């Protein structure tokens, strides 16, 4: 009996076993067992197991064709296309390598099967033809296909195909969201599409629609895309559903290395750069129409009350009597503070702590990029300045530079709002110096009780209460 060559075996395998639906021929062309190699796993399959595997696919009446076929005395490689013949519109392509001995396949190596057929000369990748991606609920669901679709849906020019699954790395300490960095590789040496991005996956228990912090952040990035006066990451893609699931894909800002010797702390120079960027943001929206999706912090009063109790139960032994008293006094006056009319109203970030700011080195020197817009609202711009300085500087550094930085902010504001004076800024700063303490207590109602958050909350309470005391801020609230 003549021993079949590897090329003869592959012709029988595709043409008769699959195309003509003769699975019993497996017993003639394959060893028992044949060893199947997939990424990370090896599986031996007996004749009966192979036949069952083939029979599962025969209902669609598959038609396999070789796009490339190469064989020698031991190995055969098939680059194949497959379509169904029952009208389902199924098309797959793949590559398989078989090893043969004594007229039977003994081993095979399978690549992952891909939807569609192998591209031919003249076929061009058209990202506009890609359907919008489904929302992902966890970082593990991010794939090359999802990333490519998200860029296309967001209108980002990405004419190159991704070469492999992207690298997805967790970053940050989110409590109600997961934030990851995505790094992608493309099938081209000349890449115009983003090679990296930041993806935030959030789920807000209160639902989605236009409400909730993640929906607000998506709308903020969409609004900011219409300007270039202040620096925020470029928006690539955003989507959410009524259940509160949210996906946000933005530019991966290449920040400069910072001296992070002090936990959650910036330098005076960095604080000055951030204050200048906040001023560019603030002045851009003076007298501008305010969107209806901004955060109303009066709705957070119950969270403040809950956060104050959480702090007592969780870390009361780390807080002084004066700090606990300041927290209580602010709770008593919070509504009056939130209802006060600012001398100048504009959009405000509301959470410009140093962890929500990146620094970039550009042609004109160091510049800040403002991140994390879940709490964007309207109010006095000095609320942001006070929040930044109180939470992000050591108490000693804040006292050394505070009035100078308030003055720099006021000067930048006055370039487009001539009536804005240093005195106006100082009065607004004092009335809003409680902003950092307010947000810290509200955050305590939601954060996980781990070592990182305990250290952070304790540090913020130390700094913000000291700032309120320095300015007698509680007395400034009418």
Foldseek 3Di string as FASTA:
>chain_A
DDADAPVVLVCCVQVCVQLVVPLLCLVQAADAWAWEDEVPDIDTAGSVRSSVVRVVPCVQNKHKDFPDWDGDRFKIKGFIWIDGDPPPGWIKTWMKMFTDDRRHTRYMYTDDIDTDHDDDPPDFADLLPQAADDFDQDQVVQWQSNVSNLLNVQVHDWRFRWPGTWDWAWDDADQFKTKIKTATHTPDPDTPGDRIKIKIKGADQVFDDLAALQNQQVVVLVVPCVDDQAAAWHWRGWDDGRRRIIMTITHDDPFDDADPPDPLAHAPVVLLQVLLRLLSQFLVFFVNDDDPSADQCVVLLVLLVLLLVLCCVQPVVLDDPLLNVVSVLCSVQVVLLSPDAAPTKGKEQLQQRVVQWGWHQDPVGIHIYGGRRSRIHMDDSLLRSLQHLLQHHDLVNCVVCVLVSLQVSQVSSCVNVVVRHSVSSVLVNLQNNCSNVSVLSSVSSRHDSDPSNVVSSSSSSVRSSVSCVVSVSSVSRD
